[in-house]
PDB file of N, CA and C in Angstrom:
ATOM      1  N   MET A   1     -12.483  17.600  33.664  1.00  0.00           N
ATOM      2  CA  MET A   1     -12.773  18.550  32.611  1.00  0.00           C
ATOM      3  C   MET A   1     -11.475  19.034  31.939  1.00  0.00           C
ATOM      4  N   LYS A   2     -10.439  19.304  32.766  1.00  0.00           N
ATOM      5  CA  LYS A   2      -9.165  19.745  32.205  1.00  0.00           C
ATOM      6  C   LYS A   2      -8.543  18.656  31.344  1.00  0.00           C
ATOM      7  N   THR A   3      -8.706  17.422  31.753  1.00  0.00           N
ATOM      8  CA  THR A   3      -8.125  16.307  31.006  1.00  0.00           C
ATOM      9  C   THR A   3      -8.764  16.190  29.627  1.00  0.00           C
ATOM     10  N   ILE A   4     -10.069  16.321  29.575  1.00  0.00           N
ATOM     11  CA  ILE A   4     -10.772  16.224  28.286  1.00  0.00           C
ATOM     12  C   ILE A   4     -10.351  17.357  27.361  1.00  0.00           C
ATOM     13  N   LEU A   5     -10.270  18.571  27.898  1.00  0.00           N
ATOM     14  CA  LEU A   5      -9.848  19.710  27.076  1.00  0.00           C
ATOM     15  C   LEU A   5      -8.407  19.561  26.602  1.00  0.00           C
ATOM     16  N   SER A   6      -7.526  19.111  27.460  1.00  0.00           N
ATOM     17  CA  SER A   6      -6.128  18.964  27.053  1.00  0.00           C
ATOM     18  C   SER A   6      -5.963  17.852  26.013  1.00  0.00           C
ATOM     19  N   ILE A   7      -6.707  16.762  26.137  1.00  0.00           N
ATOM     20  CA  ILE A   7      -6.655  15.696  25.139  1.00  0.00           C
ATOM     21  C   ILE A   7      -7.206  16.191  23.802  1.00  0.00           C
ATOM     22  N   THR A   8      -8.274  16.990  23.848  1.00  0.00           N
ATOM     23  CA  THR A   8      -8.863  17.542  22.624  1.00  0.00           C
ATOM     24  C   THR A   8      -7.880  18.476  21.928  1.00  0.00           C
ATOM     25  N   PHE A   9      -7.269  19.388  22.693  1.00  0.00           N
ATOM     26  CA  PHE A   9      -6.304  20.317  22.090  1.00  0.00           C
ATOM     27  C   PHE A   9      -5.066  19.596  21.576  1.00  0.00           C
ATOM     28  N   LEU A  10      -4.616  18.591  22.274  1.00  0.00           N
ATOM     29  CA  LEU A  10      -3.480  17.804  21.818  1.00  0.00           C
ATOM     30  C   LEU A  10      -3.815  17.085  20.505  1.00  0.00           C
ATOM     31  N   GLY A  11      -5.007  16.503  20.430  1.00  0.00           N
ATOM     32  CA  GLY A  11      -5.435  15.822  19.205  1.00  0.00           C
ATOM     33  C   GLY A  11      -5.547  16.779  18.030  1.00  0.00           C
ATOM     34  N   LEU A  12      -6.131  17.956  18.271  1.00  0.00           N
ATOM     35  CA  LEU A  12      -6.247  18.950  17.201  1.00  0.00           C
ATOM     36  C   LEU A  12      -4.873  19.454  16.762  1.00  0.00           C
ATOM     37  N   GLY A  13      -3.969  19.647  17.716  1.00  0.00           N
ATOM     38  CA  GLY A  13      -2.623  20.082  17.375  1.00  0.00           C
ATOM     39  C   GLY A  13      -1.902  19.064  16.516  1.00  0.00           C
ATOM     40  N   LEU A  14      -2.027  17.795  16.865  1.00  0.00           N
ATOM     41  CA  LEU A  14      -1.393  16.737  16.068  1.00  0.00           C
ATOM     42  C   LEU A  14      -2.008  16.645  14.677  1.00  0.00           C
ATOM     43  N   LEU A  15      -3.314  16.844  14.584  1.00  0.00           N
ATOM     44  CA  LEU A  15      -3.981  16.820  13.281  1.00  0.00           C
ATOM     45  C   LEU A  15      -3.483  17.963  12.395  1.00  0.00           C
ATOM     46  N   PHE A  16      -3.373  19.169  12.962  1.00  0.00           N
ATOM     47  CA  PHE A  16      -2.873  20.300  12.187  1.00  0.00           C
ATOM     48  C   PHE A  16      -1.421  20.099  11.763  1.00  0.00           C
ATOM     49  N   LEU A  17      -0.604  19.503  12.620  1.00  0.00           N
ATOM     50  CA  LEU A  17       0.778  19.206  12.245  1.00  0.00           C
ATOM     51  C   LEU A  17       0.840  18.187  11.111  1.00  0.00           C
ATOM     52  N   ALA A  18       0.000  17.165  11.166  1.00  0.00           N
ATOM     53  CA  ALA A  18      -0.021  16.156  10.108  1.00  0.00           C
ATOM     54  C   ALA A  18      -0.430  16.778   8.775  1.00  0.00           C
ATOM     55  N   ILE A  19      -1.427  17.639   8.798  1.00  0.00           N
ATOM     56  CA  ILE A  19      -1.870  18.304   7.565  1.00  0.00           C
ATOM     57  C   ILE A  19      -0.781  19.227   7.031  1.00  0.00           C
ATOM     58  N   TYR A  20      -0.114  19.951   7.908  1.00  0.00           N
ATOM     59  CA  TYR A  20       0.959  20.863   7.489  1.00  0.00           C
ATOM     60  C   TYR A  20       2.087  20.104   6.800  1.00  0.00           C
ATOM     61  N   PHE A  21       2.553  19.031   7.417  1.00  0.00           N
ATOM     62  CA  PHE A  21       3.662  18.279   6.828  1.00  0.00           C
ATOM     63  C   PHE A  21       3.233  17.512   5.577  1.00  0.00           C
ATOM     64  N   GLU A  22       1.977  17.141   5.467  1.00  0.00           N
ATOM     65  CA  GLU A  22       1.482  16.481   4.252  1.00  0.00           C
ATOM     66  C   GLU A  22       1.503  17.458   3.078  1.00  0.00           C
ATOM     67  N   GLN A  23       1.190  18.724   3.334  1.00  0.00           N
ATOM     68  CA  GLN A  23       1.201  19.721   2.264  1.00  0.00           C
ATOM     69  C   GLN A  23       2.614  20.008   1.775  1.00  0.00           C
ATOM     70  N   LYS A  24       3.616  19.859   2.622  1.00  0.00           N
ATOM     71  CA  LYS A  24       5.003  20.097   2.239  1.00  0.00           C
ATOM     72  C   LYS A  24       5.602  18.923   1.473  1.00  0.00           C
ATOM     73  N   ARG A  25       4.966  17.779   1.528  1.00  0.00           N
ATOM     74  CA  ARG A  25       5.477  16.552   0.927  1.00  0.00           C
ATOM     75  C   ARG A  25       5.166  16.509  -0.569  1.00  0.00           C
ATOM     76  N   ASN A  26       6.034  15.875  -1.341  1.00  0.00           N
ATOM     77  CA  ASN A  26       5.815  15.681  -2.770  1.00  0.00           C
ATOM     78  C   ASN A  26       4.578  14.795  -2.956  1.00  0.00           C
ATOM     79  N   PRO A  27       3.558  15.247  -3.688  1.00  0.00           N
ATOM     80  CA  PRO A  27       2.333  14.457  -3.815  1.00  0.00           C
ATOM     81  C   PRO A  27       2.507  13.155  -4.592  1.00  0.00           C
ATOM     82  N   TYR A  28       3.608  13.004  -5.332  1.00  0.00           N
ATOM     83  CA  TYR A  28       3.836  11.782  -6.107  1.00  0.00           C
ATOM     84  C   TYR A  28       4.950  10.925  -5.524  1.00  0.00           C
ATOM     85  N   GLN A  29       5.319  11.176  -4.277  1.00  0.00           N
ATOM     86  CA  GLN A  29       6.315  10.354  -3.591  1.00  0.00           C
ATOM     87  C   GLN A  29       5.674   9.021  -3.216  1.00  0.00           C
ATOM     88  N   LEU A  30       6.403   7.931  -3.461  1.00  0.00           N
ATOM     89  CA  LEU A  30       5.865   6.615  -3.135  1.00  0.00           C
ATOM     90  C   LEU A  30       5.566   6.517  -1.652  1.00  0.00           C
ATOM     91  N   GLY A  31       4.477   5.824  -1.332  1.00  0.00           N
ATOM     92  CA  GLY A  31       4.121   5.615   0.061  1.00  0.00           C
ATOM     93  C   GLY A  31       2.716   6.096   0.366  1.00  0.00           C
ATOM     94  N   SER A  32       2.390   6.060   1.632  1.00  0.00           N
ATOM     95  CA  SER A  32       1.058   6.407   2.095  1.00  0.00           C
ATOM     96  C   SER A  32       0.949   7.899   2.369  1.00  0.00           C
ATOM     97  N   HIS A  33      -0.143   8.494   1.932  1.00  0.00           N
ATOM     98  CA  HIS A  33      -0.462   9.889   2.196  1.00  0.00           C
ATOM     99  C   HIS A  33      -1.739   9.900   3.039  1.00  0.00           C
ATOM    100  N   LEU A  34      -2.281  11.074   3.332  1.00  0.00           N
ATOM    101  CA  LEU A  34      -3.448  11.139   4.220  1.00  0.00           C
ATOM    102  C   LEU A  34      -4.676  10.440   3.638  1.00  0.00           C
ATOM    103  N   ASP A  35      -5.010  10.680   2.388  1.00  0.00           N
ATOM    104  CA  ASP A  35      -6.228  10.093   1.838  1.00  0.00           C
ATOM    105  C   ASP A  35      -5.989   9.212   0.607  1.00  0.00           C
ATOM    106  N   TYR A  36      -4.751   8.930   0.288  1.00  0.00           N
ATOM    107  CA  TYR A  36      -4.425   8.055  -0.843  1.00  0.00           C
ATOM    108  C   TYR A  36      -3.032   7.490  -0.641  1.00  0.00           C
ATOM    109  N   SER A  37      -2.642   6.596  -1.527  1.00  0.00           N
ATOM    110  CA  SER A  37      -1.264   6.083  -1.503  1.00  0.00           C
ATOM    111  C   SER A  37      -0.747   6.019  -2.928  1.00  0.00           C
ATOM    112  N   ILE A  38       0.553   6.164  -3.069  1.00  0.00           N
ATOM    113  CA  ILE A  38       1.210   6.068  -4.371  1.00  0.00           C
ATOM    114  C   ILE A  38       1.975   4.749  -4.387  1.00  0.00           C
ATOM    115  N   GLU A  39       1.684   3.917  -5.385  1.00  0.00           N
ATOM    116  CA  GLU A  39       2.310   2.597  -5.474  1.00  0.00           C
ATOM    117  C   GLU A  39       2.943   2.408  -6.845  1.00  0.00           C
ATOM    118  N   CYS A  40       3.991   1.626  -6.865  1.00  0.00           N
ATOM    119  CA  CYS A  40       4.695   1.297  -8.094  1.00  0.00           C
ATOM    120  C   CYS A  40       4.386  -0.160  -8.425  1.00  0.00           C
ATOM    121  N   GLU A  41       3.814  -0.376  -9.598  1.00  0.00           N
ATOM    122  CA  GLU A  41       3.461  -1.735  -9.993  1.00  0.00           C
ATOM    123  C   GLU A  41       3.680  -1.895 -11.490  1.00  0.00           C
ATOM    124  N   ASN A  42       4.335  -2.977 -11.882  1.00  0.00           N
ATOM    125  CA  ASN A  42       4.633  -3.280 -13.287  1.00  0.00           C
ATOM    126  C   ASN A  42       5.424  -2.159 -13.964  1.00  0.00           C
ATOM    127  N   GLY A  43       6.240  -1.451 -13.198  1.00  0.00           N
ATOM    128  CA  GLY A  43       7.083  -0.409 -13.760  1.00  0.00           C
ATOM    129  C   GLY A  43       6.427   0.947 -13.878  1.00  0.00           C
ATOM    130  N   PHE A  44       5.162   1.084 -13.484  1.00  0.00           N
ATOM    131  CA  PHE A  44       4.452   2.350 -13.591  1.00  0.00           C
ATOM    132  C   PHE A  44       3.899   2.759 -12.232  1.00  0.00           C
ATOM    133  N   VAL A  45       3.616   4.062 -12.089  1.00  0.00           N
ATOM    134  CA  VAL A  45       3.145   4.625 -10.824  1.00  0.00           C
ATOM    135  C   VAL A  45       1.624   4.740 -10.856  1.00  0.00           C
ATOM    136  N   TYR A  46       0.980   4.317  -9.757  1.00  0.00           N
ATOM    137  CA  TYR A  46      -0.473   4.371  -9.622  1.00  0.00           C
ATOM    138  C   TYR A  46      -0.854   5.107  -8.346  1.00  0.00           C
ATOM    139  N   LYS A  47      -1.923   5.900  -8.413  1.00  0.00           N
ATOM    140  CA  LYS A  47      -2.476   6.566  -7.243  1.00  0.00           C
ATOM    141  C   LYS A  47      -3.682   5.744  -6.801  1.00  0.00           C
ATOM    142  N   CYS A  48      -3.623   5.200  -5.581  1.00  0.00           N
ATOM    143  CA  CYS A  48      -4.656   4.303  -5.086  1.00  0.00           C
ATOM    144  C   CYS A  48      -5.446   4.971  -3.974  1.00  0.00           C
ATOM    145  N   ARG A  49      -6.771   4.901  -4.095  1.00  0.00           N
ATOM    146  CA  ARG A  49      -7.666   5.381  -3.046  1.00  0.00           C
ATOM    147  C   ARG A  49      -8.466   4.179  -2.573  1.00  0.00           C
ATOM    148  N   ASN A  50      -8.795   4.171  -1.301  1.00  0.00           N
ATOM    149  CA  ASN A  50      -9.384   2.989  -0.668  1.00  0.00           C
ATOM    150  C   ASN A  50     -10.577   2.410  -1.411  1.00  0.00           C
ATOM    151  N   HIS A  51     -11.622   3.156  -1.588  1.00  0.00           N
ATOM    152  CA  HIS A  51     -12.852   2.614  -2.163  1.00  0.00           C
ATOM    153  C   HIS A  51     -13.066   3.016  -3.618  1.00  0.00           C
ATOM    154  N   TYR A  52     -12.114   3.748  -4.194  1.00  0.00           N
ATOM    155  CA  TYR A  52     -12.298   4.253  -5.547  1.00  0.00           C
ATOM    156  C   TYR A  52     -11.413   3.578  -6.574  1.00  0.00           C
ATOM    157  N   GLY A  53     -10.572   2.654  -6.153  1.00  0.00           N
ATOM    158  CA  GLY A  53      -9.696   1.961  -7.083  1.00  0.00           C
ATOM    159  C   GLY A  53      -8.393   2.706  -7.295  1.00  0.00           C
ATOM    160  N   ALA A  54      -7.751   2.458  -8.419  1.00  0.00           N
ATOM    161  CA  ALA A  54      -6.449   3.048  -8.714  1.00  0.00           C
ATOM    162  C   ALA A  54      -6.488   3.705 -10.082  1.00  0.00           C
ATOM    163  N   ILE A  55      -5.738   4.791 -10.196  1.00  0.00           N
ATOM    164  CA  ILE A  55      -5.584   5.449 -11.491  1.00  0.00           C
ATOM    165  C   ILE A  55      -4.098   5.581 -11.777  1.00  0.00           C
ATOM    166  N   GLN A  56      -3.749   5.518 -13.031  1.00  0.00           N
ATOM    167  CA  GLN A  56      -2.355   5.628 -13.429  1.00  0.00           C
ATOM    168  C   GLN A  56      -1.963   7.102 -13.457  1.00  0.00           C
ATOM    169  N   VAL A  57      -0.791   7.413 -12.933  1.00  0.00           N
ATOM    170  CA  VAL A  57      -0.283   8.785 -12.921  1.00  0.00           C
ATOM    171  C   VAL A  57       0.349   9.068 -14.274  1.00  0.00           C
ATOM    172  N   LEU A  58      -0.062  10.186 -14.888  1.00  0.00           N
ATOM    173  CA  LEU A  58       0.420  10.556 -16.215  1.00  0.00           C
ATOM    174  C   LEU A  58       1.279  11.806 -16.149  1.00  0.00           C
ATOM    175  N   ASN A  59       2.250  11.902 -17.061  1.00  0.00           N
ATOM    176  CA  ASN A  59       3.035  13.114 -17.221  1.00  0.00           C
ATOM    177  C   ASN A  59       2.199  14.156 -17.945  1.00  0.00           C
ATOM    178  N   SER A  60       2.725  15.365 -18.075  1.00  0.00           N
ATOM    179  CA  SER A  60       1.968  16.442 -18.710  1.00  0.00           C
ATOM    180  C   SER A  60       1.716  16.184 -20.195  1.00  0.00           C
ATOM    181  N   ASP A  61       2.521  15.334 -20.830  1.00  0.00           N
ATOM    182  CA  ASP A  61       2.298  15.028 -22.245  1.00  0.00           C
ATOM    183  C   ASP A  61       1.426  13.789 -22.435  1.00  0.00           C
ATOM    184  N   GLY A  62       0.920  13.205 -21.352  1.00  0.00           N
ATOM    185  CA  GLY A  62       0.001  12.071 -21.449  1.00  0.00           C
ATOM    186  C   GLY A  62       0.654  10.710 -21.357  1.00  0.00           C
ATOM    187  N   THR A  63       1.972  10.660 -21.273  1.00  0.00           N
ATOM    188  CA  THR A  63       2.646   9.372 -21.146  1.00  0.00           C
ATOM    189  C   THR A  63       2.620   8.919 -19.688  1.00  0.00           C
ATOM    190  N   PRO A  64       2.545   7.615 -19.437  1.00  0.00           N
ATOM    191  CA  PRO A  64       2.518   7.116 -18.057  1.00  0.00           C
ATOM    192  C   PRO A  64       3.842   7.383 -17.335  1.00  0.00           C
ATOM    193  N   LEU A  65       3.753   7.714 -16.050  1.00  0.00           N
ATOM    194  CA  LEU A  65       4.930   7.952 -15.239  1.00  0.00           C
ATOM    195  C   LEU A  65       5.537   6.616 -14.847  1.00  0.00           C
ATOM    196  N   LYS A  66       6.828   6.449 -15.110  1.00  0.00           N
ATOM    197  CA  LYS A  66       7.530   5.218 -14.771  1.00  0.00           C
ATOM    198  C   LYS A  66       8.087   5.319 -13.343  1.00  0.00           C
ATOM    199  N   CYS A  67       8.254   4.173 -12.712  1.00  0.00           N
ATOM    200  CA  CYS A  67       8.783   4.129 -11.344  1.00  0.00           C
ATOM    201  C   CYS A  67      10.189   4.705 -11.286  1.00  0.00           C
ATOM    202  N   GLY A  68      10.462   5.473 -10.258  1.00  0.00           N
ATOM    203  CA  GLY A  68      11.782   6.042 -10.062  1.00  0.00           C
ATOM    204  C   GLY A  68      12.052   7.312 -10.844  1.00  0.00           C
ATOM    205  N   ARG A  69      11.096   7.804 -11.589  1.00  0.00           N
ATOM    206  CA  ARG A  69      11.275   9.018 -12.377  1.00  0.00           C
ATOM    207  C   ARG A  69      10.451  10.157 -11.763  1.00  0.00           C
ATOM    208  N   GLU A  70      10.837  11.387 -12.049  1.00  0.00           N
ATOM    209  CA  GLU A  70      10.105  12.568 -11.594  1.00  0.00           C
ATOM    210  C   GLU A  70       9.030  12.914 -12.613  1.00  0.00           C
ATOM    211  N   ILE A  71       7.901  13.394 -12.122  1.00  0.00           N
ATOM    212  CA  ILE A  71       6.815  13.792 -13.014  1.00  0.00           C
ATOM    213  C   ILE A  71       7.180  15.118 -13.696  1.00  0.00           C
ATOM    214  N   TYR A  72       6.797  15.259 -14.944  1.00  0.00           N
ATOM    215  CA  TYR A  72       7.033  16.514 -15.662  1.00  0.00           C
ATOM    216  C   TYR A  72       5.775  16.970 -16.357  1.00  0.00           C
TER     217      TYR A  72
END
């Protein structure tokens, strides 16, 4: 019984740590995130979700975000 409880608390603790550090991370940083990934293809940045396809990341003025640039 103690083993099951300790494994459960350890799993929940790791989950909360993962969520905490994901919130501190730049949402447009290339790489894998918890529920999506940011990829650079053909010079532009795309937000990819597993079953929903990909959408192009746009700047505040509507222009596509280029790879290696910061969003504005």
